Every structure is written in structure tokens, then in C-alpha cells.
């Protein structure tokens, strides 16, 4: 049962983390909006960057991108919270716990896609965020991708519930 509690706790910790991320993005909208604006505008990439034609400089597009990120984070938060509830409710029943894992798998995959697709792939490579010494979130995104990936891998391992001893 300790493995089921550990898995549930890690999913809960990610739900809490993502909830704080969403809250912070809503309460202090301007701080991370600046990040999105500069990444999409590509205004701090290398001066001779031949990819600057990809830059998006419209404030409306910046707000839409940021709203999409916040919505994705919020969806992931809800999925992680629901997964925590499902896993926690089933923690005493090995078969029910196994049956509750798919929602956690969906939540964790959604979170992995957020960090890998939105931040590492689109922000990092398409908008060459890696060229900016000021507005580069790739390290943080990779750190989160790694943490979430480890939780997903741990969740997918079978629990090693001891077999009750038989009477002789």
C-alpha cells in the first residue's frame, strides 16, 4: 500500500504545483505575459537571427497564446486533482487503484505535452527562445518535464503488494 500512497502523493504534489502556477499566472498576469510577449516577438534573440520572420508581434496574439497556456495549465490541474481523488479513493484496493491509473496517465501526459510541446518545442525551437539570455524558460521547462516524466514512469510500475501468507 505504501507504493499506492507514494504514487497518489506525487500526483497530488503535481496538482498542487500546477494549481499554484495557474493562480500565479492569473494574479500576476503581467509578469509571465512579458515572458510570452518577448518569446513570441523574438526581440531578444541573436541580432542576425535569420528566423526572425517567425516573430509574432501582435499584442492580441500574445494574449491569446498566454490565455491558451493558462487554460492548458488549468485543465492539467483539474485532471491531476481528479486523478489524485480517484487514486486516493482506490488506495486500499489494488485492482481499483490500477483501474484509476488511466486518468492520472492522461493528466501527466497533458502536463508533459505542456512543457515539451509549448515550451521546449514551440517556444524553445520555433521561436528560438534558447538564443535569449533574458527570456529563456527552457531549463525550467526541461526540469518540469523531467519531474513529471519520473512521476509518470513511477505511476506505470506495478505495485508489489505482498501476498498474504497462507495457513499451513
C-alpha atoms as a PDB file:
ATOM      1  CA  UNK A   1       0.000   0.000   0.000  1.00  0.00           C
ATOM      2  CA  UNK A   2       2.941   2.354   0.547  1.00  0.00           C
ATOM      3  CA  UNK A   3       3.589   2.398  -3.209  1.00  0.00           C
ATOM      4  CA  UNK A   4      -0.008   3.401  -3.898  1.00  0.00           C
ATOM      5  CA  UNK A   5       0.260   6.161  -1.305  1.00  0.00           C
ATOM      6  CA  UNK A   6       3.558   7.337  -2.816  1.00  0.00           C
ATOM      7  CA  UNK A   7       2.077   7.446  -6.322  1.00  0.00           C
ATOM      8  CA  UNK A   8      -1.025   9.261  -5.125  1.00  0.00           C
ATOM      9  CA  UNK A   9       1.086  11.760  -3.163  1.00  0.00           C
ATOM     10  CA  UNK A  10       3.270  12.569  -6.165  1.00  0.00           C
ATOM     11  CA  UNK A  11       0.249  13.145  -8.398  1.00  0.00           C
ATOM     12  CA  UNK A  12      -1.241  15.325  -5.631  1.00  0.00           C
ATOM     13  CA  UNK A  13       2.007  17.305  -5.373  1.00  0.00           C
ATOM     14  CA  UNK A  14       1.895  17.988  -9.109  1.00  0.00           C
ATOM     15  CA  UNK A  15      -1.764  19.044  -8.833  1.00  0.00           C
ATOM     16  CA  UNK A  16      -0.790  21.476  -6.088  1.00  0.00           C
ATOM     17  CA  UNK A  17       2.163  22.778  -8.090  1.00  0.00           C
ATOM     18  CA  UNK A  18       0.080  23.331 -11.208  1.00  0.00           C
ATOM     19  CA  UNK A  19      -2.681  24.953  -9.157  1.00  0.00           C
ATOM     20  CA  UNK A  20      -0.143  27.437  -7.808  1.00  0.00           C
ATOM     21  CA  UNK A  21       1.186  28.045 -11.331  1.00  0.00           C
ATOM     22  CA  UNK A  22      -2.319  28.841 -12.595  1.00  0.00           C
ATOM     23  CA  UNK A  23      -3.047  31.050  -9.583  1.00  0.00           C
ATOM     24  CA  UNK A  24       0.236  32.940 -10.030  1.00  0.00           C
ATOM     25  CA  UNK A  25      -0.410  33.451 -13.745  1.00  0.00           C
ATOM     26  CA  UNK A  26      -3.860  34.863 -13.037  1.00  0.00           C
ATOM     27  CA  UNK A  27      -2.944  37.031 -10.043  1.00  0.00           C
ATOM     28  CA  UNK A  28       0.330  38.316 -11.508  1.00  0.00           C
ATOM     29  CA  UNK A  29      -0.704  38.163 -15.151  1.00  0.00           C
ATOM     30  CA  UNK A  30       1.748  40.821 -16.284  1.00  0.00           C
ATOM     31  CA  UNK A  31       4.961  39.100 -15.169  1.00  0.00           C
ATOM     32  CA  UNK A  32       4.627  35.965 -17.246  1.00  0.00           C
ATOM     33  CA  UNK A  33       2.812  37.835 -20.006  1.00  0.00           C
ATOM     34  CA  UNK A  34       6.078  39.735 -20.534  1.00  0.00           C
ATOM     35  CA  UNK A  35       7.834  36.393 -20.924  1.00  0.00           C
ATOM     36  CA  UNK A  36       5.339  35.225 -23.576  1.00  0.00           C
ATOM     37  CA  UNK A  37       5.470  38.594 -25.367  1.00  0.00           C
ATOM     38  CA  UNK A  38       9.259  38.602 -25.639  1.00  0.00           C
ATOM     39  CA  UNK A  39       9.492  34.945 -26.704  1.00  0.00           C
ATOM     40  CA  UNK A  40       6.859  35.374 -29.433  1.00  0.00           C
ATOM     41  CA  UNK A  41       8.321  38.716 -30.550  1.00  0.00           C
ATOM     42  CA  UNK A  42      11.810  37.172 -30.705  1.00  0.00           C
ATOM     43  CA  UNK A  43      13.164  40.584 -29.723  1.00  0.00           C
ATOM     44  CA  UNK A  44      15.967  39.232 -27.527  1.00  0.00           C
ATOM     45  CA  UNK A  45      17.273  36.543 -29.887  1.00  0.00           C
ATOM     46  CA  UNK A  46      20.587  36.884 -31.724  1.00  0.00           C
ATOM     47  CA  UNK A  47      20.713  40.099 -33.792  1.00  0.00           C
ATOM     48  CA  UNK A  48      21.452  38.338 -37.097  1.00  0.00           C
ATOM     49  CA  UNK A  49      18.894  35.601 -36.455  1.00  0.00           C
ATOM     50  CA  UNK A  50      17.576  34.564 -39.875  1.00  0.00           C
ATOM     51  CA  UNK A  51      14.481  33.048 -38.254  1.00  0.00           C
ATOM     52  CA  UNK A  52      13.031  36.347 -37.019  1.00  0.00           C
ATOM     53  CA  UNK A  53      10.434  36.173 -39.772  1.00  0.00           C
ATOM     54  CA  UNK A  54       8.573  33.815 -37.436  1.00  0.00           C
ATOM     55  CA  UNK A  55       8.131  36.564 -34.838  1.00  0.00           C
ATOM     56  CA  UNK A  56       4.609  37.381 -33.739  1.00  0.00           C
ATOM     57  CA  UNK A  57       4.385  40.967 -32.546  1.00  0.00           C
ATOM     58  CA  UNK A  58       0.641  41.477 -32.169  1.00  0.00           C
ATOM     59  CA  UNK A  59      -0.448  42.053 -28.539  1.00  0.00           C
ATOM     60  CA  UNK A  60      -3.687  40.211 -29.325  1.00  0.00           C
ATOM     61  CA  UNK A  61      -1.739  37.117 -30.371  1.00  0.00           C
ATOM     62  CA  UNK A  62       0.426  37.419 -27.251  1.00  0.00           C
ATOM     63  CA  UNK A  63      -2.663  37.493 -25.023  1.00  0.00           C
ATOM     64  CA  UNK A  64      -4.239  34.585 -26.940  1.00  0.00           C
ATOM     65  CA  UNK A  65      -1.085  32.465 -26.572  1.00  0.00           C
ATOM     66  CA  UNK A  66      -0.847  33.276 -22.870  1.00  0.00           C
ATOM     67  CA  UNK A  67      -4.550  32.551 -22.327  1.00  0.00           C
ATOM     68  CA  UNK A  68      -4.036  29.212 -24.100  1.00  0.00           C
ATOM     69  CA  UNK A  69      -1.119  28.357 -21.825  1.00  0.00           C
ATOM     70  CA  UNK A  70      -3.106  29.260 -18.710  1.00  0.00           C
ATOM     71  CA  UNK A  71      -6.101  27.236 -19.938  1.00  0.00           C
ATOM     72  CA  UNK A  72      -3.837  24.245 -20.622  1.00  0.00           C
ATOM     73  CA  UNK A  73      -2.293  24.589 -17.164  1.00  0.00           C
ATOM     74  CA  UNK A  74      -5.772  24.836 -15.602  1.00  0.00           C
ATOM     75  CA  UNK A  75      -7.004  21.757 -17.480  1.00  0.00           C
ATOM     76  CA  UNK A  76      -3.938  19.847 -16.337  1.00  0.00           C
ATOM     77  CA  UNK A  77      -4.538  20.999 -12.765  1.00  0.00           C
ATOM     78  CA  UNK A  78      -8.130  19.763 -12.821  1.00  0.00           C
ATOM     79  CA  UNK A  79      -7.097  16.434 -14.345  1.00  0.00           C
ATOM     80  CA  UNK A  80      -4.322  15.975 -11.767  1.00  0.00           C
ATOM     81  CA  UNK A  81      -6.688  16.846  -8.909  1.00  0.00           C
ATOM     82  CA  UNK A  82      -9.300  14.409 -10.205  1.00  0.00           C
ATOM     83  CA  UNK A  83      -6.631  11.731 -10.669  1.00  0.00           C
ATOM     84  CA  UNK A  84      -5.478  12.315  -7.084  1.00  0.00           C
ATOM     85  CA  UNK A  85      -9.051  11.849  -5.853  1.00  0.00           C
ATOM     86  CA  UNK A  86      -9.527   8.670  -7.898  1.00  0.00           C
ATOM     87  CA  UNK A  87      -6.181   7.171  -6.855  1.00  0.00           C
ATOM     88  CA  UNK A  88      -6.686   8.169  -3.216  1.00  0.00           C
ATOM     89  CA  UNK A  89     -10.169   6.658  -3.126  1.00  0.00           C
ATOM     90  CA  UNK A  90      -8.839   3.387  -4.514  1.00  0.00           C
ATOM     91  CA  UNK A  91      -5.631   3.163  -2.461  1.00  0.00           C
ATOM     92  CA  UNK A  92      -6.854   0.222  -0.341  1.00  0.00           C
ATOM     93  CA  UNK A  93      -7.945  -1.836  -3.327  1.00  0.00           C
ATOM     94  CA  UNK A  94      -5.180  -2.931  -5.723  1.00  0.00           C
ATOM     95  CA  UNK A  95      -7.474  -3.635  -8.686  1.00  0.00           C
ATOM     96  CA  UNK A  96      -9.446  -0.386  -8.263  1.00  0.00           C
ATOM     97  CA  UNK A  97      -6.160   1.527  -7.969  1.00  0.00           C
ATOM     98  CA  UNK A  98      -4.957   0.027 -11.243  1.00  0.00           C
ATOM     99  CA  UNK A  99      -8.265   0.983 -12.860  1.00  0.00           C
ATOM    100  CA  UNK A 100      -7.866   4.568 -11.594  1.00  0.00           C
ATOM    101  CA  UNK A 101      -4.436   4.982 -13.186  1.00  0.00           C
ATOM    102  CA  UNK A 102      -5.599   5.960 -16.724  1.00  0.00           C
ATOM    103  CA  UNK A 103      -6.937   9.349 -15.591  1.00  0.00           C
ATOM    104  CA  UNK A 104      -3.590  10.021 -13.902  1.00  0.00           C
ATOM    105  CA  UNK A 105      -1.815   8.903 -17.073  1.00  0.00           C
ATOM    106  CA  UNK A 106      -3.956  11.344 -19.084  1.00  0.00           C
ATOM    107  CA  UNK A 107      -3.238  14.173 -16.604  1.00  0.00           C
ATOM    108  CA  UNK A 108       0.501  13.520 -16.565  1.00  0.00           C
ATOM    109  CA  UNK A 109       0.659  13.235 -20.356  1.00  0.00           C
ATOM    110  CA  UNK A 110      -1.198  16.534 -20.703  1.00  0.00           C
ATOM    111  CA  UNK A 111       1.346  18.087 -18.364  1.00  0.00           C
ATOM    112  CA  UNK A 112       4.292  16.569 -20.239  1.00  0.00           C
ATOM    113  CA  UNK A 113       2.919  17.901 -23.513  1.00  0.00           C
ATOM    114  CA  UNK A 114       2.591  21.367 -21.998  1.00  0.00           C
ATOM    115  CA  UNK A 115       6.270  21.510 -21.063  1.00  0.00           C
ATOM    116  CA  UNK A 116       7.617  19.660 -24.105  1.00  0.00           C
ATOM    117  CA  UNK A 117       5.366  20.982 -26.863  1.00  0.00           C
ATOM    118  CA  UNK A 118       4.551  24.515 -25.712  1.00  0.00           C
ATOM    119  CA  UNK A 119       7.786  25.491 -24.008  1.00  0.00           C
ATOM    120  CA  UNK A 120      10.618  23.316 -25.324  1.00  0.00           C
ATOM    121  CA  UNK A 121       9.417  22.779 -28.912  1.00  0.00           C
ATOM    122  CA  UNK A 122       7.386  25.869 -29.837  1.00  0.00           C
ATOM    123  CA  UNK A 123       8.988  28.417 -27.526  1.00  0.00           C
ATOM    124  CA  UNK A 124      12.463  26.926 -27.479  1.00  0.00           C
ATOM    125  CA  UNK A 125      12.916  25.888 -31.084  1.00  0.00           C
ATOM    126  CA  UNK A 126      10.280  27.593 -33.228  1.00  0.00           C
ATOM    127  CA  UNK A 127      10.727  30.977 -31.559  1.00  0.00           C
ATOM    128  CA  UNK A 128      14.384  30.135 -30.736  1.00  0.00           C
ATOM    129  CA  UNK A 129      13.970  31.060 -27.085  1.00  0.00           C
ATOM    130  CA  UNK A 130      17.310  29.346 -26.474  1.00  0.00           C
ATOM    131  CA  UNK A 131      19.012  32.354 -28.094  1.00  0.00           C
ATOM    132  CA  UNK A 132      17.742  34.735 -25.404  1.00  0.00           C
ATOM    133  CA  UNK A 133      19.786  35.214 -22.271  1.00  0.00           C
ATOM    134  CA  UNK A 134      16.872  37.061 -20.641  1.00  0.00           C
ATOM    135  CA  UNK A 135      13.659  35.272 -21.707  1.00  0.00           C
ATOM    136  CA  UNK A 136      14.717  31.637 -21.814  1.00  0.00           C
ATOM    137  CA  UNK A 137      12.477  29.208 -19.971  1.00  0.00           C
ATOM    138  CA  UNK A 138      13.905  26.010 -21.421  1.00  0.00           C
ATOM    139  CA  UNK A 139      15.740  24.966 -18.246  1.00  0.00           C
ATOM    140  CA  UNK A 140      12.616  25.342 -16.129  1.00  0.00           C
ATOM    141  CA  UNK A 141      10.511  23.543 -18.762  1.00  0.00           C
ATOM    142  CA  UNK A 142      13.015  20.696 -19.004  1.00  0.00           C
ATOM    143  CA  UNK A 143      13.139  20.423 -15.208  1.00  0.00           C
ATOM    144  CA  UNK A 144       9.345  20.148 -15.057  1.00  0.00           C
ATOM    145  CA  UNK A 145       9.209  17.735 -17.993  1.00  0.00           C
ATOM    146  CA  UNK A 146      11.719  15.533 -16.183  1.00  0.00           C
ATOM    147  CA  UNK A 147       9.903  15.658 -12.830  1.00  0.00           C
ATOM    148  CA  UNK A 148       6.529  14.878 -14.394  1.00  0.00           C
ATOM    149  CA  UNK A 149       8.075  12.131 -16.536  1.00  0.00           C
ATOM    150  CA  UNK A 150       9.554  10.449 -13.477  1.00  0.00           C
ATOM    151  CA  UNK A 151       6.153  10.528 -11.744  1.00  0.00           C
ATOM    152  CA  UNK A 152       4.546   9.035 -14.865  1.00  0.00           C
ATOM    153  CA  UNK A 153       7.119   6.237 -15.020  1.00  0.00           C
ATOM    154  CA  UNK A 154       6.679   5.507 -11.310  1.00  0.00           C
ATOM    155  CA  UNK A 155       2.890   5.503 -11.702  1.00  0.00           C
ATOM    156  CA  UNK A 156       3.174   2.954 -14.507  1.00  0.00           C
ATOM    157  CA  UNK A 157       5.186   0.477 -12.419  1.00  0.00           C
ATOM    158  CA  UNK A 158       3.102  -2.333 -10.951  1.00  0.00           C
ATOM    159  CA  UNK A 159       2.637  -2.258  -7.210  1.00  0.00           C
ATOM    160  CA  UNK A 160       4.425  -5.033  -5.390  1.00  0.00           C
ATOM    161  CA  UNK A 161       1.745  -5.850  -2.841  1.00  0.00           C
ATOM    162  CA  UNK A 162       2.905  -8.730  -0.695  1.00  0.00           C
ATOM    163  CA  UNK A 163       0.902 -11.879  -0.960  1.00  0.00           C
ATOM    164  CA  UNK A 164      -0.743 -12.691   2.355  1.00  0.00           C
ATOM    165  CA  UNK A 165       0.762 -15.772   3.994  1.00  0.00           C
ATOM    166  CA  UNK A 166      -1.223 -18.948   3.674  1.00  0.00           C
ATOM    167  CA  UNK A 167      -2.114 -21.094   6.657  1.00  0.00           C
ATOM    168  CA  UNK A 168      -0.104 -24.294   6.910  1.00  0.00           C
END
